[in-house]
Amino acid sequence: MSLSRPELQKMLDVVRATQLVEIDCDVCLMQVGEFAELNLVGKPIPEGLRAIEQHLSICDECREEYEMLCLALRK
């Protein structure tokens, strides 16, 4: 099974974004509301929520949830 160029690039991007300490989807989804609210009003993201930002950069499912939440909060 060979990977297409975009698939290979996506895998490399995920490997590059990997941190020493990471959170899983459950933890991300528990805190993504607070992260979204701060982001929408332009407030700085505290260090305690940086892991959310990193997780969203590599997890399509959580990023989709985050984007839907942001749409709902904007209304």
Protein backbone atom coordinates (compact mmCIF):
# COMPACT_ATOMS: atom_id res chain seq x y z
CA MET A 1 0.00 0.00 0.00
CA SER A 2 1.54 3.28 -1.03
CA LEU A 3 0.59 6.69 0.23
CA SER A 4 -0.26 9.63 -1.96
CA ARG A 5 1.87 12.74 -1.67
CA PRO A 6 -0.83 14.64 0.37
CA GLU A 7 -1.25 11.66 2.72
CA LEU A 8 2.49 11.42 3.25
CA GLN A 9 2.73 15.17 3.85
CA LYS A 10 -0.09 14.98 6.42
CA MET A 11 1.74 12.18 8.26
CA LEU A 12 4.98 14.15 8.28
CA ASP A 13 3.17 17.25 9.57
CA VAL A 14 1.69 15.23 12.44
CA VAL A 15 5.09 13.77 13.35
CA ARG A 16 6.65 17.26 13.32
CA ALA A 17 3.87 18.61 15.55
CA THR A 18 4.24 15.83 18.12
CA GLN A 19 5.12 17.11 21.59
CA LEU A 20 6.74 15.39 24.55
CA VAL A 21 3.49 15.64 26.51
CA GLU A 22 0.20 15.43 24.64
CA ILE A 23 -3.46 15.18 25.54
CA ASP A 24 -6.04 12.80 24.15
CA CYS A 25 -9.34 13.66 22.48
CA ASP A 26 -11.37 13.29 25.71
CA VAL A 27 -9.26 15.88 27.52
CA CYS A 28 -9.28 18.17 24.51
CA LEU A 29 -13.05 18.07 24.16
CA MET A 30 -13.53 18.79 27.87
CA GLN A 31 -11.52 22.02 27.57
CA VAL A 32 -12.17 23.10 23.98
CA GLY A 33 -15.10 25.33 25.03
CA GLU A 34 -12.88 27.51 27.20
CA PHE A 35 -10.25 27.59 24.46
CA ALA A 36 -12.85 28.61 21.85
CA GLU A 37 -14.29 31.40 24.01
CA LEU A 38 -10.86 32.92 24.63
CA ASN A 39 -9.91 32.62 20.97
CA LEU A 40 -13.13 34.24 19.76
CA VAL A 41 -12.71 37.31 21.95
CA GLY A 42 -9.02 37.61 21.10
CA LYS A 43 -7.70 36.94 24.59
CA PRO A 44 -4.31 35.28 25.02
CA ILE A 45 -4.36 31.52 25.46
CA PRO A 46 -2.98 30.60 28.89
CA GLU A 47 -0.21 28.04 29.13
CA GLY A 48 -2.65 25.51 30.59
CA LEU A 49 -4.63 25.50 27.33
CA ARG A 50 -1.67 25.35 24.92
CA ALA A 51 -2.08 21.57 24.74
CA ILE A 52 -5.56 22.13 23.30
CA GLU A 53 -4.13 24.29 20.55
CA GLN A 54 -1.50 21.67 19.75
CA HIS A 55 -4.04 18.82 19.75
CA LEU A 56 -6.34 20.72 17.39
CA SER A 57 -3.44 21.15 14.99
CA ILE A 58 -3.09 17.38 14.55
CA CYS A 59 -6.56 15.94 15.20
CA ASP A 60 -9.11 16.40 12.43
CA GLU A 61 -12.04 15.15 14.52
CA CYS A 62 -11.42 17.52 17.44
CA ARG A 63 -10.68 20.41 15.09
CA GLU A 64 -14.05 19.80 13.40
CA GLU A 65 -15.79 19.88 16.81
CA TYR A 66 -13.92 23.10 17.65
CA GLU A 67 -14.93 24.73 14.36
CA MET A 68 -18.59 23.79 14.88
CA LEU A 69 -18.45 25.17 18.41
CA CYS A 70 -16.96 28.45 17.16
CA LEU A 71 -19.75 28.77 14.60
CA ALA A 72 -22.36 28.24 17.32
CA LEU A 73 -20.70 30.77 19.64
CA ARG A 74 -20.58 33.44 16.93
CA LYS A 75 -24.37 33.36 16.48
